[in-house]
């Protein structure tokens, strides 16, 4: 497998954003008031979770589906470890000799003490959503012969975020929230996440172009094994011209 200078940094960035969005963000519900729309409430993690999809788009576009697949599994492994670690830390009995534990323990339970439904929903939604995003991105690159990057990033994000939202919220909150509330939250969060991707399109273009020139590569997933359970390398990597 060819070594790349910046691939590892992108994987690390994607995993960091993913962990922060899933561990820090869900502990706080934000509310903003917008003209016409009124007051909107959403989990704080939704502000930054779309950035993980941007990392996924960049990885797939520059390095191909096979390399993005490795990053997705790295993120999934990090989520599993963080979930186990959180459960152990929250579940261990606090020392009665430390007075601040009386305040700290309830706070930890609120922020990190998610129910099994939320944990399962988060894991499954991330895994499916990211693979859908990367798969659609790679396939659209073949269909468009590498053109229309904006259409591929937004289109793949729309598919991935749809899968993510349609899995996470029903699994985590069906029977707890009303059906109307569930549908409203799914619609709002899907729209917000896709909007973030669209707004960030110029940044995605800039990063992709710089990376392709720096790595001297443009990857097309011709003949790639798209199974999410394979860790084999794949794709056709085409060197860029020196003036590109």
Protein backbone atom coordinates (compact mmCIF):
# COMPACT_ATOMS: atom_id res chain seq x y z
CA UNK A 1 0.00 0.00 0.00
CA UNK A 2 1.30 3.40 -0.95
CA UNK A 3 2.15 5.72 1.93
CA UNK A 4 0.67 9.23 1.91
CA UNK A 5 1.89 12.25 3.81
CA UNK A 6 -1.43 13.60 5.07
CA UNK A 7 -3.74 10.58 5.22
CA UNK A 8 -3.02 9.81 8.89
CA UNK A 9 -3.69 13.40 9.92
CA UNK A 10 -7.08 13.36 8.22
CA UNK A 11 -8.03 10.10 9.93
CA UNK A 12 -6.99 11.54 13.30
CA UNK A 13 -9.04 14.69 12.65
CA UNK A 14 -12.09 12.69 11.63
CA UNK A 15 -11.91 10.50 14.74
CA UNK A 16 -11.42 13.52 17.01
CA UNK A 17 -14.47 15.33 15.59
CA UNK A 18 -16.53 12.15 15.82
CA UNK A 19 -15.63 11.53 19.46
CA UNK A 20 -16.25 15.12 20.51
CA UNK A 21 -19.61 15.23 18.71
CA UNK A 22 -20.79 11.99 20.30
CA UNK A 23 -19.37 12.43 23.81
CA UNK A 24 -19.51 16.18 24.46
CA UNK A 25 -22.33 17.35 22.19
CA UNK A 26 -25.26 15.15 23.36
CA UNK A 27 -24.95 16.49 26.91
CA UNK A 28 -26.37 19.87 25.94
CA UNK A 29 -29.51 20.90 24.10
CA UNK A 30 -29.29 24.33 22.46
CA UNK A 31 -32.09 26.67 21.44
CA UNK A 32 -31.87 29.47 18.89
CA UNK A 33 -34.53 31.87 17.67
CA UNK A 34 -34.66 32.50 13.93
CA UNK A 35 -36.87 34.83 11.89
CA UNK A 36 -39.98 33.09 10.54
CA UNK A 37 -38.92 29.70 11.92
CA UNK A 38 -39.11 30.74 15.57
CA UNK A 39 -37.25 28.86 18.32
CA UNK A 40 -35.38 25.73 17.26
CA UNK A 41 -33.88 23.19 19.65
CA UNK A 42 -31.11 20.76 18.78
CA UNK A 43 -28.29 18.78 20.34
CA UNK A 44 -25.01 20.69 20.47
CA UNK A 45 -23.20 17.78 18.82
CA UNK A 46 -25.13 18.39 15.61
CA UNK A 47 -23.16 21.60 15.10
CA UNK A 48 -19.93 19.70 14.50
CA UNK A 49 -20.96 16.16 13.51
CA UNK A 50 -21.31 17.21 9.83
CA UNK A 51 -17.59 18.05 9.88
CA UNK A 52 -16.91 14.31 10.23
CA UNK A 53 -18.78 13.82 6.95
CA UNK A 54 -16.64 16.48 5.31
CA UNK A 55 -13.56 14.53 6.42
CA UNK A 56 -15.17 11.43 4.92
CA UNK A 57 -15.81 13.22 1.63
CA UNK A 58 -12.22 14.46 1.43
CA UNK A 59 -10.79 11.02 2.26
CA UNK A 60 -12.95 9.31 -0.37
CA UNK A 61 -12.30 11.92 -3.04
CA UNK A 62 -8.53 12.03 -2.63
CA UNK A 63 -7.58 8.56 -1.38
CA UNK A 64 -10.53 6.43 -2.48
CA UNK A 65 -13.24 4.33 -0.82
CA UNK A 66 -10.83 1.69 0.53
CA UNK A 67 -8.82 4.25 2.49
CA UNK A 68 -12.00 5.99 3.70
CA UNK A 69 -13.27 2.58 4.84
CA UNK A 70 -10.26 2.22 7.11
CA UNK A 71 -10.95 5.65 8.60
CA UNK A 72 -14.60 4.71 9.26
CA UNK A 73 -13.53 1.56 11.09
CA UNK A 74 -11.00 3.59 13.08
CA UNK A 75 -13.78 5.95 14.13
CA UNK A 76 -16.06 3.04 15.01
CA UNK A 77 -13.37 1.44 17.15
CA UNK A 78 -12.75 4.74 18.93
CA UNK A 79 -16.47 5.09 19.64
CA UNK A 80 -16.65 1.57 21.07
CA UNK A 81 -13.66 2.20 23.34
CA UNK A 82 -14.98 5.59 24.47
CA UNK A 83 -18.39 4.08 25.23
CA UNK A 84 -16.89 1.27 27.32
CA UNK A 85 -14.60 3.71 29.11
CA UNK A 86 -17.50 6.06 29.87
CA UNK A 87 -19.61 3.22 31.25
CA UNK A 88 -16.79 2.05 33.52
CA UNK A 89 -15.95 5.54 34.80
CA UNK A 90 -19.60 6.45 35.46
CA UNK A 91 -20.37 3.05 36.99
CA UNK A 92 -17.48 2.99 39.47
CA UNK A 93 -18.55 4.07 43.00
CA UNK A 94 -17.31 7.55 43.91
CA UNK A 95 -15.12 7.99 46.97
CA UNK A 96 -17.11 9.25 49.96
CA UNK A 97 -14.00 11.06 51.19
CA UNK A 98 -13.99 13.55 48.31
CA UNK A 99 -16.80 16.10 48.86
CA UNK A 100 -16.79 17.31 45.25
CA UNK A 101 -17.83 13.80 44.12
CA UNK A 102 -21.35 14.61 45.28
CA UNK A 103 -21.55 17.19 42.48
CA UNK A 104 -19.31 15.46 39.95
CA UNK A 105 -21.03 12.06 39.89
CA UNK A 106 -24.51 13.34 38.89
CA UNK A 107 -22.92 15.57 36.24
CA UNK A 108 -21.00 12.63 34.77
CA UNK A 109 -24.17 10.55 34.70
CA UNK A 110 -26.02 13.28 32.82
CA UNK A 111 -23.28 13.87 30.24
CA UNK A 112 -21.88 10.35 29.75
CA UNK A 113 -24.52 8.04 31.21
CA UNK A 114 -26.42 7.34 27.99
CA UNK A 115 -28.99 4.53 27.86
CA UNK A 116 -28.26 1.37 25.89
CA UNK A 117 -30.74 2.52 23.22
CA UNK A 118 -28.89 5.77 22.59
CA UNK A 119 -25.52 4.01 22.53
CA UNK A 120 -26.75 1.33 20.11
CA UNK A 121 -28.47 3.92 17.92
CA UNK A 122 -25.37 6.12 17.80
CA UNK A 123 -23.07 3.23 16.86
CA UNK A 124 -25.33 1.81 14.15
CA UNK A 125 -26.27 5.19 12.68
CA UNK A 126 -22.64 6.30 12.46
CA UNK A 127 -21.51 3.03 10.87
CA UNK A 128 -24.27 2.89 8.27
CA UNK A 129 -24.35 6.63 7.55
CA UNK A 130 -20.61 6.97 6.98
CA UNK A 131 -20.43 3.93 4.73
CA UNK A 132 -23.41 5.15 2.70
CA UNK A 133 -21.77 8.57 2.37
CA UNK A 134 -18.44 7.15 1.21
CA UNK A 135 -20.03 4.60 -1.14
CA UNK A 136 -22.25 7.17 -2.87
CA UNK A 137 -19.32 9.61 -3.11
CA UNK A 138 -17.09 6.99 -4.78
CA UNK A 139 -19.80 5.78 -7.17
CA UNK A 140 -20.79 9.30 -8.18
CA UNK A 141 -17.15 10.07 -8.96
CA UNK A 142 -17.13 7.20 -11.43
CA UNK A 143 -20.47 8.22 -12.94
CA UNK A 144 -19.39 11.85 -13.39
CA UNK A 145 -15.80 10.96 -14.39
CA UNK A 146 -14.46 13.08 -11.55
CA UNK A 147 -16.49 16.21 -12.34
CA UNK A 148 -19.03 18.18 -10.27
CA UNK A 149 -17.38 17.77 -6.88
CA UNK A 150 -20.03 20.01 -5.29
CA UNK A 151 -22.81 17.71 -6.46
CA UNK A 152 -20.98 14.63 -5.19
CA UNK A 153 -20.23 16.04 -1.73
CA UNK A 154 -23.75 17.35 -1.15
CA UNK A 155 -25.44 14.32 -2.72
CA UNK A 156 -23.42 11.78 -0.75
CA UNK A 157 -23.92 13.72 2.48
CA UNK A 158 -27.67 13.86 1.89
CA UNK A 159 -27.76 10.06 1.48
CA UNK A 160 -25.49 9.42 4.47
CA UNK A 161 -27.25 11.85 6.78
CA UNK A 162 -30.64 10.48 5.77
CA UNK A 163 -29.52 6.98 6.74
CA UNK A 164 -27.97 8.32 9.97
CA UNK A 165 -31.04 10.29 11.08
CA UNK A 166 -33.57 7.62 10.07
CA UNK A 167 -31.70 5.07 12.16
CA UNK A 168 -30.59 7.08 15.19
CA UNK A 169 -33.72 8.89 16.30
CA UNK A 170 -36.27 6.04 15.95
CA UNK A 171 -33.94 3.53 17.64
CA UNK A 172 -33.05 5.94 20.45
CA UNK A 173 -36.37 7.68 21.08
CA UNK A 174 -39.30 5.77 19.52
CA UNK A 175 -41.95 5.32 22.20
CA UNK A 176 -40.36 8.06 24.31
CA UNK A 177 -41.07 10.99 22.01
CA UNK A 178 -44.32 11.46 20.11
CA UNK A 179 -44.28 10.52 16.43
CA UNK A 180 -44.76 14.16 15.44
CA UNK A 181 -41.77 15.24 17.54
CA UNK A 182 -39.68 12.40 16.13
CA UNK A 183 -40.44 13.37 12.53
CA UNK A 184 -39.81 17.07 13.23
CA UNK A 185 -36.41 16.38 14.84
CA UNK A 186 -35.35 14.05 12.01
CA UNK A 187 -36.33 16.62 9.37
CA UNK A 188 -34.64 19.52 11.14
CA UNK A 189 -31.39 17.70 11.89
CA UNK A 190 -31.15 16.28 8.37
CA UNK A 191 -31.70 19.72 6.87
CA UNK A 192 -29.20 21.39 9.18
CA UNK A 193 -26.45 18.83 8.53
CA UNK A 194 -26.85 18.93 4.75
CA UNK A 195 -26.90 22.74 4.89
CA UNK A 196 -23.58 22.73 6.76
CA UNK A 197 -22.11 20.53 4.02
CA UNK A 198 -23.38 22.91 1.32
CA UNK A 199 -22.05 26.00 3.11
CA UNK A 200 -18.66 24.34 3.58
CA UNK A 201 -18.37 23.38 -0.11
CA UNK A 202 -15.76 26.09 -0.93
CA UNK A 203 -13.60 24.84 1.96
CA UNK A 204 -13.98 21.26 0.74
CA UNK A 205 -12.90 22.32 -2.77
CA UNK A 206 -9.85 24.12 -1.38
CA UNK A 207 -8.75 21.20 0.83
CA UNK A 208 -9.33 18.57 -1.88
CA UNK A 209 -7.37 20.49 -4.50
CA UNK A 210 -4.48 21.19 -2.15
CA UNK A 211 -4.31 17.57 -1.01
CA UNK A 212 -4.42 16.19 -4.55
CA UNK A 213 -1.52 18.41 -5.55
CA UNK A 214 0.44 17.66 -2.37
CA UNK A 215 -0.05 13.89 -2.69
CA UNK A 216 0.12 13.96 -6.52
CA UNK A 217 -2.84 11.61 -6.77
CA UNK A 218 -6.48 11.41 -7.80
CA UNK A 219 -8.23 8.13 -6.96
CA UNK A 220 -11.06 6.48 -8.90
CA UNK A 221 -12.68 3.39 -7.41
CA UNK A 222 -12.60 1.22 -10.51
CA UNK A 223 -12.67 -2.44 -9.48
CA UNK A 224 -12.84 -1.61 -5.77
CA UNK A 225 -14.40 -4.13 -3.40
CA UNK A 226 -17.09 -2.01 -1.73
CA UNK A 227 -17.79 -4.47 1.08
CA UNK A 228 -17.58 -2.59 4.40
CA UNK A 229 -15.94 -5.65 5.97
CA UNK A 230 -12.89 -5.72 3.72
CA UNK A 231 -9.70 -3.87 4.63
CA UNK A 232 -8.01 -4.45 1.28
CA UNK A 233 -6.65 -1.49 -0.64
CA UNK A 234 -8.31 -0.62 -3.93
CA UNK A 235 -9.01 1.95 -6.60
CA UNK A 236 -7.02 3.35 -9.49
CA UNK A 237 -4.71 6.19 -8.46
CA UNK A 238 -3.83 8.57 -11.27
CA UNK A 239 -0.85 10.90 -10.85
CA UNK A 240 -1.58 14.55 -11.44
CA UNK A 241 0.30 16.59 -13.99
CA UNK A 242 3.02 18.80 -12.54
CA UNK A 243 1.17 21.98 -13.48
CA UNK A 244 -1.97 20.83 -11.63
